[in-house]
C-alpha atoms as a PDB file:
ATOM      1  CA  GLY A   1      -1.497  21.483  -5.372  1.00  0.00           C
ATOM      2  CA  SER A   2      -3.306  21.323  -2.042  1.00  0.00           C
ATOM      3  CA  ASN A   3      -2.765  19.350   1.137  1.00  0.00           C
ATOM      4  CA  VAL A   4      -3.984  15.811   0.434  1.00  0.00           C
ATOM      5  CA  LEU A   5      -5.085  15.169   4.020  1.00  0.00           C
ATOM      6  CA  HIS A   6      -8.677  15.385   5.208  1.00  0.00           C
ATOM      7  CA  SER A   7      -7.896  17.844   8.043  1.00  0.00           C
ATOM      8  CA  ASN A   8      -5.255  18.657  10.654  1.00  0.00           C
ATOM      9  CA  LEU A   9      -5.280  15.214  12.232  1.00  0.00           C
ATOM     10  CA  GLN A  10      -4.073  13.906  15.577  1.00  0.00           C
ATOM     11  CA  ALA A  11      -2.167  11.290  13.645  1.00  0.00           C
ATOM     12  CA  SER A  12      -1.298   8.993  16.563  1.00  0.00           C
ATOM     13  CA  LEU A  13      -5.005   8.262  17.175  1.00  0.00           C
ATOM     14  CA  MET A  14      -5.667   6.942  13.681  1.00  0.00           C
ATOM     15  CA  SER A  15      -6.022   3.369  12.433  1.00  0.00           C
ATOM     16  CA  LEU A  16      -4.321   2.197   9.248  1.00  0.00           C
ATOM     17  CA  GLU A  17      -7.580   2.173   7.293  1.00  0.00           C
ATOM     18  CA  GLU A  18      -8.359   5.632   8.631  1.00  0.00           C
ATOM     19  CA  TRP A  19      -5.063   6.801   7.136  1.00  0.00           C
ATOM     20  CA  ASN A  20      -6.219   5.479   3.767  1.00  0.00           C
ATOM     21  CA  ARG A  21      -9.495   7.363   4.153  1.00  0.00           C
ATOM     22  CA  ALA A  22      -7.651  10.532   5.214  1.00  0.00           C
ATOM     23  CA  SER A  23      -6.326  11.014   1.689  1.00  0.00           C
ATOM     24  CA  GLU A  24      -9.449   9.778  -0.123  1.00  0.00           C
ATOM     25  CA  LEU A  25     -11.057  13.175  -0.722  1.00  0.00           C
ATOM     26  CA  GLY A  26      -7.758  14.720  -1.787  1.00  0.00           C
ATOM     27  CA  CYS A  27      -7.107  11.942  -4.288  1.00  0.00           C
ATOM     28  CA  GLU A  28     -10.671  12.217  -5.622  1.00  0.00           C
ATOM     29  CA  PHE A  29     -10.244  15.982  -6.027  1.00  0.00           C
ATOM     30  CA  SER A  30      -7.012  15.379  -7.916  1.00  0.00           C
ATOM     31  CA  ARG A  31      -8.706  12.858 -10.208  1.00  0.00           C
ATOM     32  CA  LEU A  32     -11.558  15.257 -11.028  1.00  0.00           C
ATOM     33  CA  THR A  33      -9.454  18.404 -11.485  1.00  0.00           C
ATOM     34  CA  ARG A  34      -6.109  16.876 -12.516  1.00  0.00           C
ATOM     35  CA  ALA A  35      -4.515  19.098  -9.881  1.00  0.00           C
ATOM     36  CA  PRO A  36      -1.434  17.478  -8.320  1.00  0.00           C
ATOM     37  CA  MET A  37      -1.948  16.279  -4.734  1.00  0.00           C
ATOM     38  CA  ASP A  38       1.523  15.058  -3.890  1.00  0.00           C
ATOM     39  CA  PHE A  39       2.188  16.692  -0.532  1.00  0.00           C
ATOM     40  CA  ALA A  40       0.825  16.448   2.999  1.00  0.00           C
ATOM     41  CA  SER A  41       1.081  18.965   5.785  1.00  0.00           C
ATOM     42  CA  LEU A  42       0.374  18.783   9.515  1.00  0.00           C
ATOM     43  CA  ALA A  43       0.506  21.950  11.602  1.00  0.00           C
ATOM     44  CA  ASP A  44       0.583  22.240  15.385  1.00  0.00           C
ATOM     45  CA  VAL A  45       0.321  18.461  15.866  1.00  0.00           C
ATOM     46  CA  PRO A  46       3.780  16.973  16.454  1.00  0.00           C
ATOM     47  CA  SER A  47       2.690  13.305  16.503  1.00  0.00           C
ATOM     48  CA  LEU A  48       4.003  11.467  13.455  1.00  0.00           C
ATOM     49  CA  PRO A  49       3.463   7.650  13.479  1.00  0.00           C
ATOM     50  CA  LEU A  50       5.945   5.429  11.691  1.00  0.00           C
ATOM     51  CA  GLU A  51       3.356   4.098   9.181  1.00  0.00           C
ATOM     52  CA  MET A  52       2.830   7.593   7.772  1.00  0.00           C
ATOM     53  CA  PRO A  53       5.376   7.335   4.902  1.00  0.00           C
ATOM     54  CA  THR A  54       3.825   4.036   3.771  1.00  0.00           C
ATOM     55  CA  VAL A  55       0.226   5.221   3.553  1.00  0.00           C
ATOM     56  CA  LEU A  56       1.197   8.562   2.026  1.00  0.00           C
ATOM     57  CA  ARG A  57       3.334   6.999  -0.706  1.00  0.00           C
ATOM     58  CA  GLN A  58       0.462   4.627  -1.522  1.00  0.00           C
ATOM     59  CA  ALA A  59      -1.681   7.746  -2.017  1.00  0.00           C
ATOM     60  CA  GLY A  60       0.906   9.264  -4.364  1.00  0.00           C
ATOM     61  CA  VAL A  61       2.321  11.709  -1.817  1.00  0.00           C
ATOM     62  CA  ARG A  62       6.038  12.446  -2.019  1.00  0.00           C
ATOM     63  CA  TYR A  63       6.436  15.496   0.247  1.00  0.00           C
ATOM     64  CA  VAL A  64       5.608  16.175   3.920  1.00  0.00           C
ATOM     65  CA  ALA A  65       5.866  19.455   5.833  1.00  0.00           C
ATOM     66  CA  ASN A  66       5.423  19.471   9.601  1.00  0.00           C
ATOM     67  CA  GLY A  67       5.156  22.661  11.652  1.00  0.00           C
ATOM     68  CA  GLY A  68       5.009  20.936  15.025  1.00  0.00           C
ATOM     69  CA  ASN A  69       4.182  22.814  18.223  1.00  0.00           C
ATOM     70  CA  GLN A  70       7.093  22.020  20.553  1.00  0.00           C
ATOM     71  CA  PHE A  71       5.355  22.954  23.800  1.00  0.00           C
ATOM     72  CA  ARG A  72       5.351  19.692  25.820  1.00  0.00           C
ATOM     73  CA  ALA A  73       6.600  17.878  22.696  1.00  0.00           C
ATOM     74  CA  PRO A  74      10.226  18.862  22.092  1.00  0.00           C
ATOM     75  CA  MET A  75      11.147  16.204  19.552  1.00  0.00           C
ATOM     76  CA  LEU A  76      12.515  18.843  17.159  1.00  0.00           C
ATOM     77  CA  HIS A  77      14.399  20.698  19.867  1.00  0.00           C
ATOM     78  CA  TYR A  78      16.156  17.522  20.984  1.00  0.00           C
ATOM     79  CA  GLY A  79      16.392  15.833  17.606  1.00  0.00           C
ATOM     80  CA  ARG A  80      17.260  19.092  15.771  1.00  0.00           C
ATOM     81  CA  LEU A  81      15.268  17.794  12.826  1.00  0.00           C
ATOM     82  CA  ASP A  82      14.604  21.334  11.637  1.00  0.00           C
ATOM     83  CA  GLU A  83      18.315  21.999  11.187  1.00  0.00           C
ATOM     84  CA  ARG A  84      18.754  18.616   9.475  1.00  0.00           C
ATOM     85  CA  SER A  85      15.907  19.226   7.009  1.00  0.00           C
ATOM     86  CA  PRO A  86      15.194  18.281   4.322  1.00  0.00           C
ATOM     87  CA  VAL A  87      15.456  14.576   5.129  1.00  0.00           C
ATOM     88  CA  TRP A  88      13.991  11.369   3.815  1.00  0.00           C
ATOM     89  CA  TRP A  89      11.676   9.697   6.327  1.00  0.00           C
ATOM     90  CA  GLU A  90      11.575   5.953   5.755  1.00  0.00           C
ATOM     91  CA  ALA A  91       8.886   3.529   6.987  1.00  0.00           C
ATOM     92  CA  PRO A  92       9.608  -0.096   7.952  1.00  0.00           C
ATOM     93  CA  ASP A  93       8.575  -1.276   4.468  1.00  0.00           C
ATOM     94  CA  GLY A  94      11.107   1.061   2.818  1.00  0.00           C
ATOM     95  CA  SER A  95       8.617   3.699   1.666  1.00  0.00           C
ATOM     96  CA  ARG A  96      10.061   7.217   1.817  1.00  0.00           C
ATOM     97  CA  VAL A  97       8.718  10.765   1.862  1.00  0.00           C
ATOM     98  CA  LEU A  98      10.770  13.923   1.597  1.00  0.00           C
ATOM     99  CA  CYS A  99      10.244  15.919   4.804  1.00  0.00           C
ATOM    100  CA  TRP A 100      10.836  19.399   6.151  1.00  0.00           C
ATOM    101  CA  PHE A 101      10.421  20.018   9.867  1.00  0.00           C
ATOM    102  CA  ILE A 102       9.905  23.407  11.485  1.00  0.00           C
ATOM    103  CA  ARG A 103       9.657  24.290  15.190  1.00  0.00           C
ATOM    104  CA  GLY A 104       6.262  25.905  14.781  1.00  0.00           C
ATOM    105  CA  TYR A 105       3.627  26.797  12.232  1.00  0.00           C
ATOM    106  CA  ALA A 106       3.524  30.622  12.282  1.00  0.00           C
ATOM    107  CA  HIS A 107       7.102  30.925  11.145  1.00  0.00           C
ATOM    108  CA  SER A 108       6.739  34.103   9.104  1.00  0.00           C
ATOM    109  CA  MET A 109       5.036  35.852  12.017  1.00  0.00           C
ATOM    110  CA  PHE A 110       7.913  34.949  14.347  1.00  0.00           C
ATOM    111  CA  LEU A 111      10.644  35.971  11.913  1.00  0.00           C
ATOM    112  CA  PHE A 112       9.160  39.037  10.240  1.00  0.00           C
ATOM    113  CA  GLY A 113       5.897  39.902  11.991  1.00  0.00           C
ATOM    114  CA  VAL A 114       2.532  40.409  10.325  1.00  0.00           C
ATOM    115  CA  PRO A 115       2.578  42.947   8.794  1.00  0.00           C
ATOM    116  CA  GLY A 116       6.227  42.365   8.031  1.00  0.00           C
ATOM    117  CA  SER A 117       8.959  44.552   9.481  1.00  0.00           C
ATOM    118  CA  GLU A 118      12.268  45.113   7.691  1.00  0.00           C
ATOM    119  CA  THR A 119      13.972  45.907  11.005  1.00  0.00           C
ATOM    120  CA  ARG A 120      12.751  42.668  12.514  1.00  0.00           C
ATOM    121  CA  ALA A 121      13.713  40.630   9.463  1.00  0.00           C
ATOM    122  CA  LEU A 122      17.249  42.029   9.526  1.00  0.00           C
ATOM    123  CA  ALA A 123      17.532  40.961  13.170  1.00  0.00           C
ATOM    124  CA  THR A 124      16.183  37.428  12.708  1.00  0.00           C
ATOM    125  CA  LEU A 125      17.066  36.191   9.236  1.00  0.00           C
ATOM    126  CA  ALA A 126      20.823  35.952   9.735  1.00  0.00           C
ATOM    127  CA  HIS A 127      20.333  33.984  12.945  1.00  0.00           C
ATOM    128  CA  TYR A 128      17.826  31.653  11.293  1.00  0.00           C
ATOM    129  CA  LEU A 129      19.950  30.983   8.221  1.00  0.00           C
ATOM    130  CA  SER A 130      23.069  30.406  10.324  1.00  0.00           C
ATOM    131  CA  SER A 131      21.309  27.489  12.052  1.00  0.00           C
ATOM    132  CA  TYR A 132      21.858  25.435   8.890  1.00  0.00           C
ATOM    133  CA  PRO A 133      25.299  23.818   8.474  1.00  0.00           C
ATOM    134  CA  GLU A 134      27.817  24.969   5.895  1.00  0.00           C
ATOM    135  CA  SER A 135      27.257  21.658   4.139  1.00  0.00           C
ATOM    136  CA  TYR A 136      23.586  22.516   3.455  1.00  0.00           C
ATOM    137  CA  PRO A 137      23.253  21.567  -0.232  1.00  0.00           C
ATOM    138  CA  TYR A 138      20.519  23.964  -1.452  1.00  0.00           C
ATOM    139  CA  ASP A 139      20.029  27.659  -2.095  1.00  0.00           C
ATOM    140  CA  ALA A 140      16.569  27.834  -0.501  1.00  0.00           C
ATOM    141  CA  VAL A 141      15.020  27.138   2.909  1.00  0.00           C
ATOM    142  CA  LEU A 142      11.388  26.859   3.930  1.00  0.00           C
ATOM    143  CA  ILE A 143       9.554  29.370   6.128  1.00  0.00           C
ATOM    144  CA  TYR A 144       6.417  27.566   7.268  1.00  0.00           C
ATOM    145  CA  GLY A 145       3.194  29.494   7.656  1.00  0.00           C
ATOM    146  CA  LEU A 146       2.098  33.095   8.005  1.00  0.00           C
ATOM    147  CA  GLY A 147      -0.121  33.443  11.093  1.00  0.00           C
ATOM    148  CA  GLY A 148      -1.162  31.652  14.238  1.00  0.00           C
ATOM    149  CA  ASP A 149      -4.209  29.753  15.437  1.00  0.00           C
ATOM    150  CA  ASN A 150      -7.632  30.775  14.149  1.00  0.00           C
ATOM    151  CA  ALA A 151      -6.201  33.957  12.665  1.00  0.00           C
ATOM    152  CA  LEU A 152      -7.811  35.770   9.756  1.00  0.00           C
ATOM    153  CA  LEU A 153      -5.650  36.461   6.729  1.00  0.00           C
ATOM    154  CA  GLY A 154      -5.244  40.162   7.421  1.00  0.00           C
ATOM    155  CA  GLY A 155      -4.174  42.864   4.984  1.00  0.00           C
ATOM    156  CA  ASP A 156      -2.197  41.669   1.991  1.00  0.00           C
ATOM    157  CA  ALA A 157      -0.643  38.633   3.737  1.00  0.00           C
ATOM    158  CA  ASN A 158       2.767  40.346   3.712  1.00  0.00           C
ATOM    159  CA  ALA A 159       2.767  40.623  -0.081  1.00  0.00           C
ATOM    160  CA  ALA A 160       3.948  44.256   0.018  1.00  0.00           C
ATOM    161  CA  PHE A 161       6.636  43.390   2.563  1.00  0.00           C
ATOM    162  CA  HIS A 162       7.988  40.614   0.328  1.00  0.00           C
ATOM    163  CA  ARG A 163       7.930  42.913  -2.708  1.00  0.00           C
ATOM    164  CA  ASP A 164       9.681  45.773  -0.935  1.00  0.00           C
ATOM    165  CA  TRP A 165      12.300  43.471   0.567  1.00  0.00           C
ATOM    166  CA  ASN A 166      13.157  41.926  -2.792  1.00  0.00           C
ATOM    167  CA  ALA A 167      13.380  45.387  -4.365  1.00  0.00           C
ATOM    168  CA  ARG A 168      15.931  46.487  -1.762  1.00  0.00           C
ATOM    169  CA  TYR A 169      17.969  43.344  -1.123  1.00  0.00           C
ATOM    170  CA  GLU A 170      19.560  40.954  -3.574  1.00  0.00           C
ATOM    171  CA  TYR A 171      19.898  38.238  -0.930  1.00  0.00           C
ATOM    172  CA  PRO A 172      18.107  36.455   0.580  1.00  0.00           C
ATOM    173  CA  ARG A 173      15.111  36.603  -1.723  1.00  0.00           C
ATOM    174  CA  MET A 174      11.638  36.047  -0.301  1.00  0.00           C
ATOM    175  CA  VAL A 175       9.515  33.876  -2.585  1.00  0.00           C
ATOM    176  CA  PRO A 176       5.875  33.232  -1.585  1.00  0.00           C
ATOM    177  CA  ALA A 177       5.128  29.678  -2.662  1.00  0.00           C
ATOM    178  CA  ARG A 178       3.052  26.595  -2.107  1.00  0.00           C
ATOM    179  CA  PHE A 179       4.690  23.702  -0.293  1.00  0.00           C
ATOM    180  CA  ARG A 180       4.705  21.779  -3.552  1.00  0.00           C
ATOM    181  CA  ASP A 181       6.583  24.598  -5.301  1.00  0.00           C
ATOM    182  CA  PHE A 182       9.290  24.558  -2.658  1.00  0.00           C
ATOM    183  CA  PHE A 183       9.728  20.786  -2.578  1.00  0.00           C
ATOM    184  CA  SER A 184       9.759  20.551  -6.382  1.00  0.00           C
ATOM    185  CA  TYR A 185      12.501  23.184  -6.448  1.00  0.00           C
ATOM    186  CA  ILE A 186      14.555  21.149  -3.961  1.00  0.00           C
ATOM    187  CA  ASP A 187      13.838  17.945  -5.877  1.00  0.00           C
ATOM    188  CA  GLU A 188      15.195  19.449  -9.083  1.00  0.00           C
ATOM    189  CA  GLN A 189      18.541  20.074  -7.365  1.00  0.00           C
ATOM    190  CA  GLY A 190      18.866  16.424  -6.326  1.00  0.00           C
ATOM    191  CA  THR A 191      17.956  14.547  -3.147  1.00  0.00           C
ATOM    192  CA  ASP A 192      19.990  11.338  -3.447  1.00  0.00           C
ATOM    193  CA  ARG A 193      22.490  12.255  -0.727  1.00  0.00           C
ATOM    194  CA  LEU A 194      20.072  13.478   1.920  1.00  0.00           C
ATOM    195  CA  GLU A 195      19.960  11.936   5.372  1.00  0.00           C
ATOM    196  CA  VAL A 196      17.454   9.120   5.896  1.00  0.00           C
ATOM    197  CA  ILE A 197      15.630   9.010   9.223  1.00  0.00           C
ATOM    198  CA  ARG A 198      13.516   6.129  10.520  1.00  0.00           C
ATOM    199  CA  GLY A 199      11.142   5.582  13.395  1.00  0.00           C
ATOM    200  CA  ASP A 200       8.119   7.111  15.082  1.00  0.00           C
ATOM    201  CA  GLY A 201       7.500  10.713  16.094  1.00  0.00           C
ATOM    202  CA  GLY A 202       5.843   9.749  19.376  1.00  0.00           C
ATOM    203  CA  ASP A 203       2.328  10.193  20.782  1.00  0.00           C
ATOM    204  CA  TYR A 204       2.610  13.819  21.819  1.00  0.00           C
ATOM    205  CA  TRP A 205      -0.403  15.977  22.626  1.00  0.00           C
ATOM    206  CA  ASP A 206      -2.757  13.053  23.137  1.00  0.00           C
ATOM    207  CA  ASP A 207      -4.039  14.439  26.420  1.00  0.00           C
ATOM    208  CA  GLY A 208      -7.168  15.734  24.660  1.00  0.00           C
ATOM    209  CA  ALA A 209      -8.198  12.206  23.749  1.00  0.00           C
ATOM    210  CA  ILE A 210      -7.164  10.839  27.133  1.00  0.00           C
ATOM    211  CA  SER A 211      -9.302  13.461  28.863  1.00  0.00           C
ATOM    212  CA  SER A 212     -12.367  11.866  27.235  1.00  0.00           C
ATOM    213  CA  PRO A 213     -11.687   8.109  27.494  1.00  0.00           C
ATOM    214  CA  ARG A 214     -15.255   6.919  26.982  1.00  0.00           C
ATOM    215  CA  THR A 215     -15.750   8.765  23.682  1.00  0.00           C
ATOM    216  CA  PHE A 216     -12.178   8.036  22.612  1.00  0.00           C
ATOM    217  CA  ALA A 217     -12.827   4.305  23.123  1.00  0.00           C
ATOM    218  CA  LEU A 218     -16.075   4.625  21.170  1.00  0.00           C
ATOM    219  CA  ASN A 219     -14.240   6.093  18.205  1.00  0.00           C
ATOM    220  CA  ARG A 220     -11.594   3.371  18.408  1.00  0.00           C
ATOM    221  CA  ARG A 221     -14.419   0.855  18.123  1.00  0.00           C
ATOM    222  CA  ASN A 222     -15.829   2.842  15.205  1.00  0.00           C
ATOM    223  CA  GLN A 223     -12.509   2.484  13.384  1.00  0.00           C
ATOM    224  CA  ALA A 224     -12.745  -1.304  13.562  1.00  0.00           C
ATOM    225  CA  GLU A 225     -16.480  -1.575  12.927  1.00  0.00           C
ATOM    226  CA  ALA A 226     -16.316   0.590   9.800  1.00  0.00           C
ATOM    227  CA  VAL A 227     -13.977  -1.994   8.253  1.00  0.00           C
ATOM    228  CA  GLU A 228     -16.300  -4.781   9.424  1.00  0.00           C
ATOM    229  CA  MET A 229     -19.317  -3.081   7.832  1.00  0.00           C
ATOM    230  CA  GLU A 230     -17.483  -2.788   4.520  1.00  0.00           C
ATOM    231  CA  THR A 231     -16.588  -6.484   4.706  1.00  0.00           C
ATOM    232  CA  LEU A 232     -20.147  -7.439   5.596  1.00  0.00           C
ATOM    233  CA  ALA A 233     -21.575  -5.430   2.691  1.00  0.00           C
ATOM    234  CA  SER A 234     -19.051  -6.971   0.289  1.00  0.00           C
ATOM    235  CA  ILE A 235     -20.057 -10.506   1.338  1.00  0.00           C
ATOM    236  CA  ALA A 236     -23.747  -9.636   0.946  1.00  0.00           C
ATOM    237  CA  LEU A 237     -23.073  -8.289  -2.577  1.00  0.00           C
ATOM    238  CA  MET A 238     -21.316 -11.526  -3.485  1.00  0.00           C
ATOM    239  CA  ARG A 239     -24.514 -13.333  -2.528  1.00  0.00           C
ATOM    240  CA  ASP A 240     -26.849 -10.832  -4.210  1.00  0.00           C
ATOM    241  CA  PRO A 241     -25.186  -8.631  -6.904  1.00  0.00           C
ATOM    242  CA  THR A 242     -28.360  -6.545  -7.254  1.00  0.00           C
ATOM    243  CA  LEU A 243     -27.638  -4.858  -3.911  1.00  0.00           C
ATOM    244  CA  ARG A 244     -25.912  -1.468  -3.923  1.00  0.00           C
ATOM    245  CA  PHE A 245     -22.637  -1.064  -2.055  1.00  0.00           C
ATOM    246  CA  PRO A 246     -22.981   1.557   0.760  1.00  0.00           C
ATOM    247  CA  ALA A 247     -20.189   3.816  -0.482  1.00  0.00           C
ATOM    248  CA  ALA A 248     -21.878   7.082   0.539  1.00  0.00           C
ATOM    249  CA  ALA A 249     -22.790   5.752   3.999  1.00  0.00           C
ATOM    250  CA  LEU A 250     -19.240   4.532   4.601  1.00  0.00           C
ATOM    251  CA  ARG A 251     -17.772   7.824   3.441  1.00  0.00           C
ATOM    252  CA  SER A 252     -20.014   9.676   5.893  1.00  0.00           C
ATOM    253  CA  ILE A 253     -19.020   7.321   8.711  1.00  0.00           C
ATOM    254  CA  TRP A 254     -15.308   7.718   8.010  1.00  0.00           C
ATOM    255  CA  ASN A 255     -15.735  11.481   7.765  1.00  0.00           C
ATOM    256  CA  ASN A 256     -17.145  11.530  11.305  1.00  0.00           C
ATOM    257  CA  ILE A 257     -14.381   9.236  12.560  1.00  0.00           C
ATOM    258  CA  LEU A 258     -11.767  11.551  11.048  1.00  0.00           C
ATOM    259  CA  LEU A 259     -13.414  14.669  12.456  1.00  0.00           C
ATOM    260  CA  PHE A 260     -13.264  13.183  15.937  1.00  0.00           C
ATOM    261  CA  ASP A 261      -9.547  12.470  15.409  1.00  0.00           C
ATOM    262  CA  GLU A 262      -8.926  16.007  14.172  1.00  0.00           C
ATOM    263  CA  HIS A 263      -6.427  17.590  16.553  1.00  0.00           C
ATOM    264  CA  THR A 264      -8.775  20.015  18.341  1.00  0.00           C
ATOM    265  CA  PHE A 265     -10.128  18.650  21.641  1.00  0.00           C
ATOM    266  CA  GLY A 266     -12.174  21.278  23.463  1.00  0.00           C
ATOM    267  CA  ARG A 267     -11.906  25.028  23.800  1.00  0.00           C
ATOM    268  CA  GLN A 268      -8.917  26.834  25.250  1.00  0.00           C
ATOM    269  CA  GLY A 269      -9.129  26.655  29.017  1.00  0.00           C
ATOM    270  CA  SER A 270     -11.452  23.643  29.069  1.00  0.00           C
ATOM    271  CA  ALA A 271      -9.230  21.852  31.595  1.00  0.00           C
ATOM    272  CA  THR A 272      -9.729  24.592  34.193  1.00  0.00           C
ATOM    273  CA  ARG A 273     -13.312  25.478  33.227  1.00  0.00           C
ATOM    274  CA  PRO A 274     -14.953  22.147  32.286  1.00  0.00           C
ATOM    275  CA  ASP A 275     -18.462  23.403  33.065  1.00  0.00           C
ATOM    276  CA  PHE A 276     -18.143  26.624  31.092  1.00  0.00           C
ATOM    277  CA  MET A 277     -20.886  27.023  28.476  1.00  0.00           C
ATOM    278  CA  ASP A 278     -18.466  27.177  25.533  1.00  0.00           C
ATOM    279  CA  THR A 279     -16.603  24.125  26.828  1.00  0.00           C
ATOM    280  CA  ARG A 280     -19.789  22.077  26.927  1.00  0.00           C
ATOM    281  CA  ALA A 281     -20.984  23.360  23.544  1.00  0.00           C
ATOM    282  CA  GLN A 282     -17.724  22.557  21.772  1.00  0.00           C
ATOM    283  CA  TRP A 283     -17.503  19.121  23.374  1.00  0.00           C
ATOM    284  CA  SER A 284     -21.050  18.388  22.272  1.00  0.00           C
ATOM    285  CA  ILE A 285     -19.953  19.031  18.674  1.00  0.00           C
ATOM    286  CA  LYS A 286     -16.716  17.053  19.013  1.00  0.00           C
ATOM    287  CA  SER A 287     -18.196  14.016  20.744  1.00  0.00           C
ATOM    288  CA  GLY A 288     -21.132  14.107  18.334  1.00  0.00           C
ATOM    289  CA  TYR A 289     -18.850  12.950  15.512  1.00  0.00           C
ATOM    290  CA  ALA A 290     -18.052   9.711  17.345  1.00  0.00           C
ATOM    291  CA  ARG A 291     -21.661   9.180  18.429  1.00  0.00           C
ATOM    292  CA  ARG A 292     -23.033   9.695  14.904  1.00  0.00           C
ATOM    293  CA  ALA A 293     -20.507   7.294  13.446  1.00  0.00           C
ATOM    294  CA  ALA A 294     -21.442   4.679  16.068  1.00  0.00           C
ATOM    295  CA  SER A 295     -25.162   5.124  15.418  1.00  0.00           C
ATOM    296  CA  ASP A 296     -24.722   4.841  11.650  1.00  0.00           C
ATOM    297  CA  LEU A 297     -22.570   1.745  12.080  1.00  0.00           C
ATOM    298  CA  GLU A 298     -25.146   0.034  14.269  1.00  0.00           C
ATOM    299  CA  TRP A 299     -27.912   0.773  11.772  1.00  0.00           C
ATOM    300  CA  GLY A 300     -25.765  -0.300   8.832  1.00  0.00           C
ATOM    301  CA  ARG A 301     -24.662  -3.524  10.483  1.00  0.00           C
ATOM    302  CA  ASN A 302     -28.251  -4.523  11.194  1.00  0.00           C
ATOM    303  CA  GLN A 303     -29.302  -3.670   7.638  1.00  0.00           C
ATOM    304  CA  TRP A 304     -26.526  -5.660   6.004  1.00  0.00           C
ATOM    305  CA  LEU A 305     -26.908  -8.649   8.300  1.00  0.00           C
ATOM    306  CA  GLY A 306     -30.553  -8.752   7.198  1.00  0.00           C
ATOM    307  CA  ARG A 307     -29.571  -8.503   3.549  1.00  0.00           C
ATOM    308  CA  LEU A 308     -27.017 -11.242   4.001  1.00  0.00           C
ATOM    309  CA  THR A 309     -29.758 -13.731   4.947  1.00  0.00           C
ATOM    310  CA  GLY A 310     -32.138 -12.455   2.269  1.00  0.00           C
ATOM    311  CA  THR A 311     -34.574 -15.337   2.639  1.00  0.00           C
ATOM    312  CA  GLY A 312     -37.484 -13.592   4.300  1.00  0.00           C
ATOM    313  CA  GLU A 313     -37.500 -16.456   6.799  1.00  0.00           C
ATOM    314  CA  LYS A 314     -36.280 -16.599  10.345  1.00  0.00           C
ATOM    315  CA  ALA A 315     -32.554 -17.164  10.459  1.00  0.00           C
ATOM    316  CA  VAL A 316     -29.593 -16.953  12.788  1.00  0.00           C
ATOM    317  CA  VAL A 317     -26.561 -15.177  11.373  1.00  0.00           C
ATOM    318  CA  VAL A 318     -23.226 -15.689  13.153  1.00  0.00           C
ATOM    319  CA  TRP A 319     -20.967 -12.742  12.372  1.00  0.00           C
ATOM    320  CA  ASN A 320     -17.508 -13.116  13.848  1.00  0.00           C
ATOM    321  CA  PRO A 321     -15.204 -10.579  12.201  1.00  0.00           C
END
């Protein structure tokens, strides 16, 4: 199983329909390959809106792993959600996903190093495991992620370290696994008595979007107009069934909307060096997603308004979505 989400999204920026589109490719991949797509993962981004369990359950997702960066966003430090994991996260409509929270996304690197060090592991593992209460009901915990940002998968990805550790020590065992493997293992041991949490994770790390208000507002408008274009096309098809629904065009538009809401806003150091060549080049790429979506929406709206009249005569169409 793979992560069902489109990319590593700045979740607090997304519309409800955008959430539906965020899992569309993953669900389509699952349908074509019959591979299970029942988990979602967000790394670095700590923003977790309260509608997330609802839209994920509708997409068939049961499990969520979040390796949130706590710098300027200490919701895990203060809420101690990592030490309370796993927990059920419940949306206002009662939908639930089984969640594991970690204070970071390069957990293996922090605990063991890459390549792994037995000396380091002996110094860190006992402290890490002791952070869980004596009432912890399972015989396994999750270590989230191997390396840091933009890092190549070097060497053997600690495979030899895991093998050598397991050969020497009976406990704790180190088991490389997919998120789905871990959650399924926990699920098999029972989850009925786990804590249920409710609410919103907060709009942390939104300063990237706020630093570019004009383009951010443009993409917000794109979110609404993409739904309007789909509605407009559907009405036109009701009038003339020989027309073809613009599925590919809408998928391209939503892809650009999602790529703008992906969590990366500018290069490192862009706040202090806004005129640096790399800063401008990366922003040109990022803002281009919103601009392309807006351009495609304008073209599509004009095309479908014309098809809605379909008379070949002069007409006035009032479109008030």
